[in-house]
Amino acid sequence: MKKLIVLLFMILPLGVVAQEVKIAFVNADQIITAMPELKGMESKIADLNEKYDKEFKQMQDEYQKKYTAFSSQQDSLTENIRLRRLGELQDLQDRMQNFVEVAKQDVAKQQQDLFAPIQRKLQDAIKAVGDEKGYTYIINPQALLYTGASAIDATAFVKAKLGLQ
């Protein structure tokens, strides 16, 4: 009985090694750029950037008006009023700097939130193609230094699965 178990453990790895490993690669960047969802995401991000740019421009205009008024009246102002207006200008500069930081963070978050479903859709399509074609691994060639001539390019299959040309 012991000999039979030892024999099975010796033969079992040979069966595992004999299995065919099918490796394919997919150019994910090429597929993502062809997806219509990307254009919609880019449009939404451009609109958001435009809104932030308008708001920032208004803040700059307000700062410029106050700075010009302060510069022209600076000599005729009392020390107390001059210090208060300098404080207002500094406060406006701080608000503008904070606005830029918050806007950048919001745009990055929106971009990440809008890109996640696109990425998920691509991953689902890659998985479906892998299951259909029986690939053991599907890899991204941008991370590789060499792709052999016998490697299977599954990019077209994934594009077809997504309904892309």
N, C-alpha and C. Protein backbone atom coordinates (compact mmCIF):
# COMPACT_ATOMS: atom_id res chain seq x y z
N MET A 1 0.82 -1.18 0.00
CA MET A 1 0.00 0.00 0.00
C MET A 1 0.87 1.26 0.00
N LYS A 2 1.92 1.22 0.84
CA LYS A 2 2.83 2.36 0.90
C LYS A 2 3.51 2.57 -0.45
N LYS A 3 3.90 1.50 -1.08
CA LYS A 3 4.58 1.58 -2.38
C LYS A 3 3.65 2.18 -3.43
N LEU A 4 2.37 1.84 -3.36
CA LEU A 4 1.39 2.38 -4.30
C LEU A 4 1.24 3.89 -4.12
N ILE A 5 1.18 4.34 -2.89
CA ILE A 5 1.05 5.79 -2.62
C ILE A 5 2.30 6.52 -3.09
N VAL A 6 3.49 5.98 -2.84
CA VAL A 6 4.73 6.59 -3.29
C VAL A 6 4.76 6.65 -4.81
N LEU A 7 4.34 5.57 -5.45
CA LEU A 7 4.30 5.53 -6.91
C LEU A 7 3.34 6.59 -7.46
N LEU A 8 2.18 6.76 -6.84
CA LEU A 8 1.22 7.79 -7.28
C LEU A 8 1.80 9.18 -7.14
N PHE A 9 2.49 9.45 -6.04
CA PHE A 9 3.10 10.76 -5.86
C PHE A 9 4.22 11.02 -6.85
N MET A 10 4.86 9.97 -7.32
CA MET A 10 5.92 10.13 -8.32
C MET A 10 5.33 10.35 -9.71
N ILE A 11 4.22 9.73 -10.01
CA ILE A 11 3.60 9.85 -11.33
C ILE A 11 2.78 11.12 -11.46
N LEU A 12 2.16 11.57 -10.39
CA LEU A 12 1.28 12.76 -10.41
C LEU A 12 1.96 14.00 -10.98
N PRO A 13 3.18 14.34 -10.57
CA PRO A 13 3.82 15.53 -11.15
C PRO A 13 4.03 15.41 -12.65
N LEU A 14 4.25 14.23 -13.17
CA LEU A 14 4.43 14.07 -14.61
C LEU A 14 3.17 14.48 -15.37
N GLY A 15 2.01 14.18 -14.81
CA GLY A 15 0.75 14.57 -15.44
C GLY A 15 0.56 16.08 -15.44
N VAL A 16 0.99 16.73 -14.38
CA VAL A 16 0.88 18.19 -14.28
C VAL A 16 1.81 18.85 -15.28
N VAL A 17 3.02 18.33 -15.42
CA VAL A 17 3.99 18.90 -16.35
C VAL A 17 3.53 18.71 -17.79
N ALA A 18 2.85 17.63 -18.05
CA ALA A 18 2.42 17.32 -19.41
C ALA A 18 1.31 18.24 -19.90
N GLN A 19 0.63 18.97 -18.99
CA GLN A 19 -0.44 19.86 -19.41
C GLN A 19 0.13 20.99 -20.26
N GLU A 20 -0.60 21.35 -21.29
CA GLU A 20 -0.15 22.42 -22.18
C GLU A 20 -0.42 23.78 -21.53
N VAL A 21 0.56 24.63 -21.56
CA VAL A 21 0.42 25.99 -21.04
C VAL A 21 0.26 26.91 -22.24
N LYS A 22 -0.88 27.56 -22.33
CA LYS A 22 -1.13 28.49 -23.43
C LYS A 22 -1.01 29.91 -22.90
N ILE A 23 -0.11 30.65 -23.48
CA ILE A 23 0.13 32.03 -23.06
C ILE A 23 -0.23 32.95 -24.21
N ALA A 24 -0.95 33.97 -23.89
CA ALA A 24 -1.32 34.99 -24.89
C ALA A 24 -0.96 36.35 -24.31
N PHE A 25 -0.93 37.33 -25.19
CA PHE A 25 -0.72 38.70 -24.70
C PHE A 25 -1.78 39.61 -25.28
N VAL A 26 -2.05 40.68 -24.55
CA VAL A 26 -3.06 41.66 -24.94
C VAL A 26 -2.47 43.05 -24.77
N ASN A 27 -2.60 43.86 -25.79
CA ASN A 27 -2.16 45.25 -25.71
C ASN A 27 -3.31 46.06 -25.11
N ALA A 28 -3.31 46.18 -23.80
CA ALA A 28 -4.41 46.84 -23.08
C ALA A 28 -4.53 48.31 -23.45
N ASP A 29 -3.40 48.99 -23.65
CA ASP A 29 -3.44 50.41 -24.01
C ASP A 29 -4.16 50.63 -25.34
N GLN A 30 -3.88 49.77 -26.31
CA GLN A 30 -4.51 49.87 -27.62
C GLN A 30 -6.02 49.67 -27.50
N ILE A 31 -6.43 48.73 -26.68
CA ILE A 31 -7.86 48.45 -26.52
C ILE A 31 -8.55 49.60 -25.81
N ILE A 32 -7.95 50.09 -24.74
CA ILE A 32 -8.57 51.18 -23.97
C ILE A 32 -8.74 52.42 -24.83
N THR A 33 -7.74 52.75 -25.64
CA THR A 33 -7.87 53.94 -26.48
C THR A 33 -8.95 53.78 -27.54
N ALA A 34 -9.31 52.54 -27.88
CA ALA A 34 -10.37 52.31 -28.87
C ALA A 34 -11.75 52.27 -28.23
N MET A 35 -11.81 52.22 -26.91
CA MET A 35 -13.12 52.12 -26.24
C MET A 35 -13.82 53.48 -26.24
N PRO A 36 -15.11 53.51 -26.63
CA PRO A 36 -15.83 54.79 -26.65
C PRO A 36 -16.01 55.38 -25.25
N GLU A 37 -15.98 54.55 -24.24
CA GLU A 37 -16.13 55.03 -22.87
C GLU A 37 -14.99 55.97 -22.48
N LEU A 38 -13.81 55.76 -23.07
CA LEU A 38 -12.67 56.62 -22.76
C LEU A 38 -12.92 58.04 -23.24
N LYS A 39 -13.51 58.17 -24.42
CA LYS A 39 -13.80 59.50 -24.94
C LYS A 39 -14.81 60.23 -24.04
N GLY A 40 -15.80 59.51 -23.55
CA GLY A 40 -16.77 60.09 -22.62
C GLY A 40 -16.11 60.53 -21.33
N MET A 41 -15.20 59.71 -20.83
CA MET A 41 -14.48 60.05 -19.60
C MET A 41 -13.63 61.30 -19.83
N GLU A 42 -12.91 61.33 -20.94
CA GLU A 42 -12.07 62.49 -21.25
C GLU A 42 -12.90 63.76 -21.38
N SER A 43 -14.08 63.65 -21.96
CA SER A 43 -14.97 64.80 -22.10
C SER A 43 -15.42 65.31 -20.74
N LYS A 44 -15.80 64.40 -19.86
CA LYS A 44 -16.23 64.80 -18.51
C LYS A 44 -15.10 65.45 -17.73
N ILE A 45 -13.91 64.91 -17.86
CA ILE A 45 -12.75 65.49 -17.16
C ILE A 45 -12.42 66.87 -17.74
N ALA A 46 -12.53 67.02 -19.05
CA ALA A 46 -12.27 68.32 -19.67
C ALA A 46 -13.29 69.35 -19.20
N ASP A 47 -14.57 68.95 -19.08
CA ASP A 47 -15.61 69.86 -18.58
C ASP A 47 -15.32 70.27 -17.14
N LEU A 48 -14.92 69.32 -16.33
CA LEU A 48 -14.60 69.62 -14.93
C LEU A 48 -13.41 70.56 -14.85
N ASN A 49 -12.39 70.31 -15.65
CA ASN A 49 -11.22 71.21 -15.68
C ASN A 49 -11.62 72.62 -16.10
N GLU A 50 -12.52 72.70 -17.07
CA GLU A 50 -12.97 74.00 -17.55
C GLU A 50 -13.71 74.77 -16.44
N LYS A 51 -14.54 74.08 -15.69
CA LYS A 51 -15.25 74.72 -14.58
C LYS A 51 -14.27 75.25 -13.53
N TYR A 52 -13.29 74.43 -13.20
CA TYR A 52 -12.29 74.87 -12.22
C TYR A 52 -11.47 76.03 -12.76
N ASP A 53 -11.15 76.00 -14.05
CA ASP A 53 -10.39 77.10 -14.65
C ASP A 53 -11.18 78.41 -14.60
N LYS A 54 -12.48 78.35 -14.88
CA LYS A 54 -13.32 79.55 -14.81
C LYS A 54 -13.34 80.12 -13.40
N GLU A 55 -13.53 79.24 -12.43
CA GLU A 55 -13.58 79.68 -11.04
C GLU A 55 -12.25 80.29 -10.62
N PHE A 56 -11.15 79.67 -11.02
CA PHE A 56 -9.84 80.19 -10.67
C PHE A 56 -9.60 81.54 -11.34
N LYS A 57 -10.04 81.68 -12.57
CA LYS A 57 -9.89 82.95 -13.30
C LYS A 57 -10.65 84.06 -12.57
N GLN A 58 -11.84 83.76 -12.06
CA GLN A 58 -12.60 84.75 -11.30
C GLN A 58 -11.84 85.16 -10.03
N MET A 59 -11.25 84.18 -9.38
CA MET A 59 -10.47 84.48 -8.18
C MET A 59 -9.26 85.34 -8.51
N GLN A 60 -8.61 85.05 -9.62
CA GLN A 60 -7.47 85.85 -10.04
C GLN A 60 -7.89 87.28 -10.37
N ASP A 61 -9.01 87.42 -11.05
CA ASP A 61 -9.51 88.76 -11.38
C ASP A 61 -9.82 89.55 -10.12
N GLU A 62 -10.45 88.90 -9.15
CA GLU A 62 -10.77 89.57 -7.87
C GLU A 62 -9.47 89.99 -7.17
N TYR A 63 -8.50 89.12 -7.17
CA TYR A 63 -7.22 89.44 -6.53
C TYR A 63 -6.57 90.62 -7.24
N GLN A 64 -6.57 90.59 -8.57
CA GLN A 64 -5.93 91.65 -9.35
C GLN A 64 -6.61 93.00 -9.08
N LYS A 65 -7.93 93.02 -9.00
CA LYS A 65 -8.66 94.27 -8.72
C LYS A 65 -8.29 94.81 -7.35
N LYS A 66 -8.30 93.92 -6.37
CA LYS A 66 -7.97 94.36 -5.01
C LYS A 66 -6.52 94.81 -4.91
N TYR A 67 -5.63 94.11 -5.59
CA TYR A 67 -4.23 94.48 -5.55
C TYR A 67 -4.00 95.84 -6.23
N THR A 68 -4.64 96.05 -7.36
CA THR A 68 -4.52 97.32 -8.08
C THR A 68 -5.06 98.47 -7.23
N ALA A 69 -6.22 98.25 -6.62
CA ALA A 69 -6.81 99.29 -5.76
C ALA A 69 -5.90 99.57 -4.57
N PHE A 70 -5.36 98.53 -3.99
CA PHE A 70 -4.47 98.70 -2.84
C PHE A 70 -3.21 99.46 -3.25
N SER A 71 -2.63 99.08 -4.38
CA SER A 71 -1.40 99.74 -4.84
C SER A 71 -1.60 101.22 -5.10
N SER A 72 -2.74 101.56 -5.69
CA SER A 72 -2.98 102.97 -6.01
C SER A 72 -3.30 103.80 -4.77
N GLN A 73 -3.86 103.18 -3.73
CA GLN A 73 -4.26 103.92 -2.52
C GLN A 73 -3.31 103.71 -1.35
N GLN A 74 -2.31 102.93 -1.53
CA GLN A 74 -1.44 102.51 -0.44
C GLN A 74 -0.85 103.68 0.35
N ASP A 75 -0.42 104.72 -0.33
CA ASP A 75 0.22 105.85 0.34
C ASP A 75 -0.77 106.69 1.16
N SER A 76 -2.05 106.70 0.74
CA SER A 76 -3.03 107.54 1.43
C SER A 76 -3.77 106.80 2.55
N LEU A 77 -3.52 105.52 2.73
CA LEU A 77 -4.23 104.72 3.74
C LEU A 77 -3.53 104.83 5.10
N THR A 78 -4.33 104.74 6.13
CA THR A 78 -3.75 104.70 7.48
C THR A 78 -3.11 103.33 7.66
N GLU A 79 -2.24 103.22 8.64
CA GLU A 79 -1.50 101.98 8.88
C GLU A 79 -2.45 100.82 9.16
N ASN A 80 -3.48 101.06 9.94
CA ASN A 80 -4.44 100.02 10.31
C ASN A 80 -5.18 99.48 9.08
N ILE A 81 -5.66 100.38 8.24
CA ILE A 81 -6.39 99.97 7.02
C ILE A 81 -5.45 99.28 6.04
N ARG A 82 -4.23 99.80 5.92
CA ARG A 82 -3.26 99.20 5.02
C ARG A 82 -2.93 97.76 5.43
N LEU A 83 -2.75 97.53 6.73
CA LEU A 83 -2.47 96.18 7.23
C LEU A 83 -3.66 95.24 7.02
N ARG A 84 -4.87 95.78 7.21
CA ARG A 84 -6.08 94.96 7.00
C ARG A 84 -6.20 94.54 5.54
N ARG A 85 -5.95 95.47 4.62
CA ARG A 85 -6.04 95.15 3.19
C ARG A 85 -4.93 94.20 2.74
N LEU A 86 -3.75 94.36 3.33
CA LEU A 86 -2.68 93.40 3.04
C LEU A 86 -3.08 92.00 3.52
N GLY A 87 -3.73 91.96 4.67
CA GLY A 87 -4.23 90.68 5.19
C GLY A 87 -5.28 90.08 4.28
N GLU A 88 -6.16 90.91 3.73
CA GLU A 88 -7.18 90.43 2.78
C GLU A 88 -6.53 89.87 1.52
N LEU A 89 -5.49 90.56 1.03
CA LEU A 89 -4.79 90.07 -0.16
C LEU A 89 -4.09 88.74 0.13
N GLN A 90 -3.47 88.64 1.29
CA GLN A 90 -2.81 87.39 1.67
C GLN A 90 -3.83 86.27 1.81
N ASP A 91 -4.97 86.58 2.41
CA ASP A 91 -6.04 85.59 2.57
C ASP A 91 -6.54 85.11 1.21
N LEU A 92 -6.69 86.02 0.28
CA LEU A 92 -7.14 85.66 -1.07
C LEU A 92 -6.10 84.79 -1.77
N GLN A 93 -4.82 85.11 -1.59
CA GLN A 93 -3.76 84.26 -2.17
C GLN A 93 -3.81 82.86 -1.58
N ASP A 94 -4.00 82.77 -0.27
CA ASP A 94 -4.08 81.46 0.38
C ASP A 94 -5.28 80.67 -0.13
N ARG A 95 -6.42 81.35 -0.29
CA ARG A 95 -7.62 80.69 -0.81
C ARG A 95 -7.38 80.18 -2.24
N MET A 96 -6.71 80.97 -3.05
CA MET A 96 -6.42 80.56 -4.43
C MET A 96 -5.50 79.34 -4.44
N GLN A 97 -4.50 79.34 -3.59
CA GLN A 97 -3.58 78.21 -3.53
C GLN A 97 -4.32 76.95 -3.05
N ASN A 98 -5.15 77.10 -2.04
CA ASN A 98 -5.95 75.97 -1.54
C ASN A 98 -6.91 75.47 -2.61
N PHE A 99 -7.51 76.39 -3.35
CA PHE A 99 -8.44 76.03 -4.42
C PHE A 99 -7.75 75.17 -5.47
N VAL A 100 -6.54 75.55 -5.86
CA VAL A 100 -5.79 74.80 -6.87
C VAL A 100 -5.52 73.38 -6.37
N GLU A 101 -5.11 73.24 -5.13
CA GLU A 101 -4.82 71.93 -4.57
C GLU A 101 -6.08 71.06 -4.52
N VAL A 102 -7.18 71.62 -4.05
CA VAL A 102 -8.43 70.87 -3.96
C VAL A 102 -8.93 70.49 -5.36
N ALA A 103 -8.80 71.41 -6.30
CA ALA A 103 -9.23 71.13 -7.68
C ALA A 103 -8.43 69.97 -8.28
N LYS A 104 -7.11 69.98 -8.08
CA LYS A 104 -6.27 68.90 -8.60
C LYS A 104 -6.68 67.56 -7.99
N GLN A 105 -6.91 67.56 -6.69
CA GLN A 105 -7.31 66.32 -6.01
C GLN A 105 -8.67 65.83 -6.54
N ASP A 106 -9.60 66.76 -6.72
CA ASP A 106 -10.93 66.38 -7.19
C ASP A 106 -10.87 65.83 -8.61
N VAL A 107 -10.10 66.47 -9.47
CA VAL A 107 -9.98 66.00 -10.86
C VAL A 107 -9.36 64.61 -10.88
N ALA A 108 -8.32 64.39 -10.07
CA ALA A 108 -7.68 63.08 -10.02
C ALA A 108 -8.66 62.02 -9.51
N LYS A 109 -9.45 62.35 -8.50
CA LYS A 109 -10.43 61.40 -7.96
C LYS A 109 -11.51 61.10 -8.98
N GLN A 110 -12.01 62.14 -9.65
CA GLN A 110 -13.03 61.94 -10.68
C GLN A 110 -12.49 61.07 -11.82
N GLN A 111 -11.25 61.32 -12.21
CA GLN A 111 -10.64 60.54 -13.28
C GLN A 111 -10.52 59.08 -12.86
N GLN A 112 -10.12 58.85 -11.63
CA GLN A 112 -10.00 57.49 -11.12
C GLN A 112 -11.37 56.82 -11.06
N ASP A 113 -12.38 57.54 -10.58
CA ASP A 113 -13.72 56.99 -10.48
C ASP A 113 -14.32 56.67 -11.85
N LEU A 114 -14.05 57.51 -12.83
CA LEU A 114 -14.58 57.29 -14.17
C LEU A 114 -13.80 56.21 -14.93
N PHE A 115 -12.53 56.05 -14.60
CA PHE A 115 -11.71 55.05 -15.30
C PHE A 115 -11.92 53.64 -14.77
N ALA A 116 -12.31 53.51 -13.51
CA ALA A 116 -12.48 52.19 -12.89
C ALA A 116 -13.44 51.29 -13.66
N PRO A 117 -14.63 51.76 -14.07
CA PRO A 117 -15.52 50.88 -14.83
C PRO A 117 -14.95 50.48 -16.20
N ILE A 118 -14.19 51.36 -16.82
CA ILE A 118 -13.57 51.05 -18.11
C ILE A 118 -12.55 49.93 -17.92
N GLN A 119 -11.75 50.07 -16.89
CA GLN A 119 -10.74 49.06 -16.59
C GLN A 119 -11.39 47.72 -16.22
N ARG A 120 -12.46 47.79 -15.45
CA ARG A 120 -13.17 46.57 -15.06
C ARG A 120 -13.76 45.87 -16.29
N LYS A 121 -14.32 46.64 -17.21
CA LYS A 121 -14.90 46.08 -18.43
C LYS A 121 -13.81 45.39 -19.26
N LEU A 122 -12.65 46.00 -19.36
CA LEU A 122 -11.53 45.40 -20.09
C LEU A 122 -11.08 44.11 -19.41
N GLN A 123 -10.95 44.13 -18.10
CA GLN A 123 -10.52 42.92 -17.38
C GLN A 123 -11.53 41.79 -17.54
N ASP A 124 -12.83 42.12 -17.50
CA ASP A 124 -13.85 41.10 -17.70
C ASP A 124 -13.76 40.49 -19.10
N ALA A 125 -13.51 41.33 -20.10
CA ALA A 125 -13.40 40.84 -21.48
C ALA A 125 -12.15 39.97 -21.64
N ILE A 126 -11.06 40.36 -21.02
CA ILE A 126 -9.83 39.57 -21.09
C ILE A 126 -10.06 38.21 -20.44
N LYS A 127 -10.72 38.21 -19.30
CA LYS A 127 -11.01 36.95 -18.60
C LYS A 127 -11.91 36.05 -19.46
N ALA A 128 -12.93 36.66 -20.08
CA ALA A 128 -13.85 35.88 -20.92
C ALA A 128 -13.11 35.26 -22.10
N VAL A 129 -12.24 36.02 -22.75
CA VAL A 129 -11.46 35.50 -23.87
C VAL A 129 -10.52 34.39 -23.38
N GLY A 130 -9.90 34.60 -22.24
CA GLY A 130 -9.02 33.57 -21.69
C GLY A 130 -9.75 32.28 -21.42
N ASP A 131 -10.97 32.39 -20.88
CA ASP A 131 -11.77 31.19 -20.61
C ASP A 131 -12.20 30.51 -21.92
N GLU A 132 -12.64 31.32 -22.89
CA GLU A 132 -13.11 30.76 -24.16
C GLU A 132 -11.99 30.07 -24.94
N LYS A 133 -10.82 30.69 -24.98
CA LYS A 133 -9.71 30.18 -25.79
C LYS A 133 -8.82 29.21 -25.01
N GLY A 134 -9.04 29.10 -23.71
CA GLY A 134 -8.26 28.16 -22.91
C GLY A 134 -6.84 28.62 -22.62
N TYR A 135 -6.63 29.94 -22.51
CA TYR A 135 -5.30 30.44 -22.20
C TYR A 135 -5.02 30.28 -20.72
N THR A 136 -3.81 29.85 -20.41
CA THR A 136 -3.39 29.72 -19.03
C THR A 136 -3.05 31.10 -18.47
N TYR A 137 -2.37 31.90 -19.27
CA TYR A 137 -1.97 33.25 -18.87
C TYR A 137 -2.25 34.21 -20.02
N ILE A 138 -2.69 35.41 -19.68
CA ILE A 138 -2.77 36.51 -20.64
C ILE A 138 -2.00 37.65 -20.00
N ILE A 139 -0.98 38.12 -20.70
CA ILE A 139 -0.10 39.13 -20.14
C ILE A 139 -0.08 40.38 -21.01
N ASN A 140 0.43 41.45 -20.43
CA ASN A 140 0.54 42.72 -21.13
C ASN A 140 1.96 42.84 -21.67
N PRO A 141 2.14 42.95 -23.00
CA PRO A 141 3.50 42.94 -23.57
C PRO A 141 4.34 44.16 -23.20
N GLN A 142 3.72 45.26 -22.75
CA GLN A 142 4.50 46.43 -22.38
C GLN A 142 5.40 46.13 -21.18
N ALA A 143 5.05 45.14 -20.38
CA ALA A 143 5.84 44.79 -19.21
C ALA A 143 6.93 43.78 -19.55
N LEU A 144 6.94 43.27 -20.77
CA LEU A 144 7.91 42.24 -21.16
C LEU A 144 9.05 42.83 -21.96
N LEU A 145 10.18 42.19 -21.88
CA LEU A 145 11.32 42.60 -22.69
C LEU A 145 11.35 41.90 -24.04
N TYR A 146 10.72 40.71 -24.10
CA TYR A 146 10.73 39.94 -25.33
C TYR A 146 9.45 39.14 -25.43
N THR A 147 8.85 39.14 -26.61
CA THR A 147 7.69 38.30 -26.90
C THR A 147 8.08 37.43 -28.08
N GLY A 148 8.07 36.12 -27.88
CA GLY A 148 8.47 35.18 -28.92
C GLY A 148 7.51 35.16 -30.09
N ALA A 149 7.97 34.62 -31.19
CA ALA A 149 7.17 34.55 -32.41
C ALA A 149 5.96 33.65 -32.24
N SER A 150 6.04 32.68 -31.33
CA SER A 150 4.93 31.76 -31.14
C SER A 150 3.90 32.27 -30.13
N ALA A 151 4.14 33.45 -29.56
CA ALA A 151 3.19 34.01 -28.61
C ALA A 151 1.91 34.39 -29.33
N ILE A 152 0.79 34.20 -28.67
CA ILE A 152 -0.52 34.46 -29.26
C ILE A 152 -0.95 35.87 -28.89
N ASP A 153 -1.29 36.66 -29.90
CA ASP A 153 -1.80 38.01 -29.66
C ASP A 153 -3.32 37.93 -29.55
N ALA A 154 -3.83 38.11 -28.35
CA ALA A 154 -5.27 38.00 -28.11
C ALA A 154 -5.95 39.36 -28.14
N THR A 155 -5.24 40.40 -28.54
CA THR A 155 -5.80 41.75 -28.57
C THR A 155 -7.05 41.79 -29.44
N ALA A 156 -6.99 41.19 -30.61
CA ALA A 156 -8.14 41.21 -31.53
C ALA A 156 -9.34 40.48 -30.94
N PHE A 157 -9.10 39.39 -30.21
CA PHE A 157 -10.20 38.64 -29.59
C PHE A 157 -10.89 39.49 -28.51
N VAL A 158 -10.07 40.20 -27.72
CA VAL A 158 -10.65 41.05 -26.66
C VAL A 158 -11.41 42.20 -27.27
N LYS A 159 -10.85 42.79 -28.34
CA LYS A 159 -11.57 43.86 -29.02
C LYS A 159 -12.90 43.37 -29.56
N ALA A 160 -12.91 42.19 -30.13
CA ALA A 160 -14.16 41.61 -30.65
C ALA A 160 -15.14 41.37 -29.52
N LYS A 161 -14.65 40.91 -28.39
CA LYS A 161 -15.52 40.65 -27.23
C LYS A 161 -16.16 41.96 -26.76
N LEU A 162 -15.43 43.06 -26.88
CA LEU A 162 -15.95 44.37 -26.47
C LEU A 162 -16.74 45.06 -27.59
N GLY A 163 -16.75 44.46 -28.77
CA GLY A 163 -17.47 45.05 -29.90
C GLY A 163 -16.72 46.20 -30.54
N LEU A 164 -15.41 46.19 -30.45
CA LEU A 164 -14.57 47.24 -31.03
C LEU A 164 -13.98 46.74 -32.34
N GLN A 165 -13.55 47.67 -33.15
CA GLN A 165 -12.94 47.32 -34.45
C GLN A 165 -11.49 46.99 -34.27
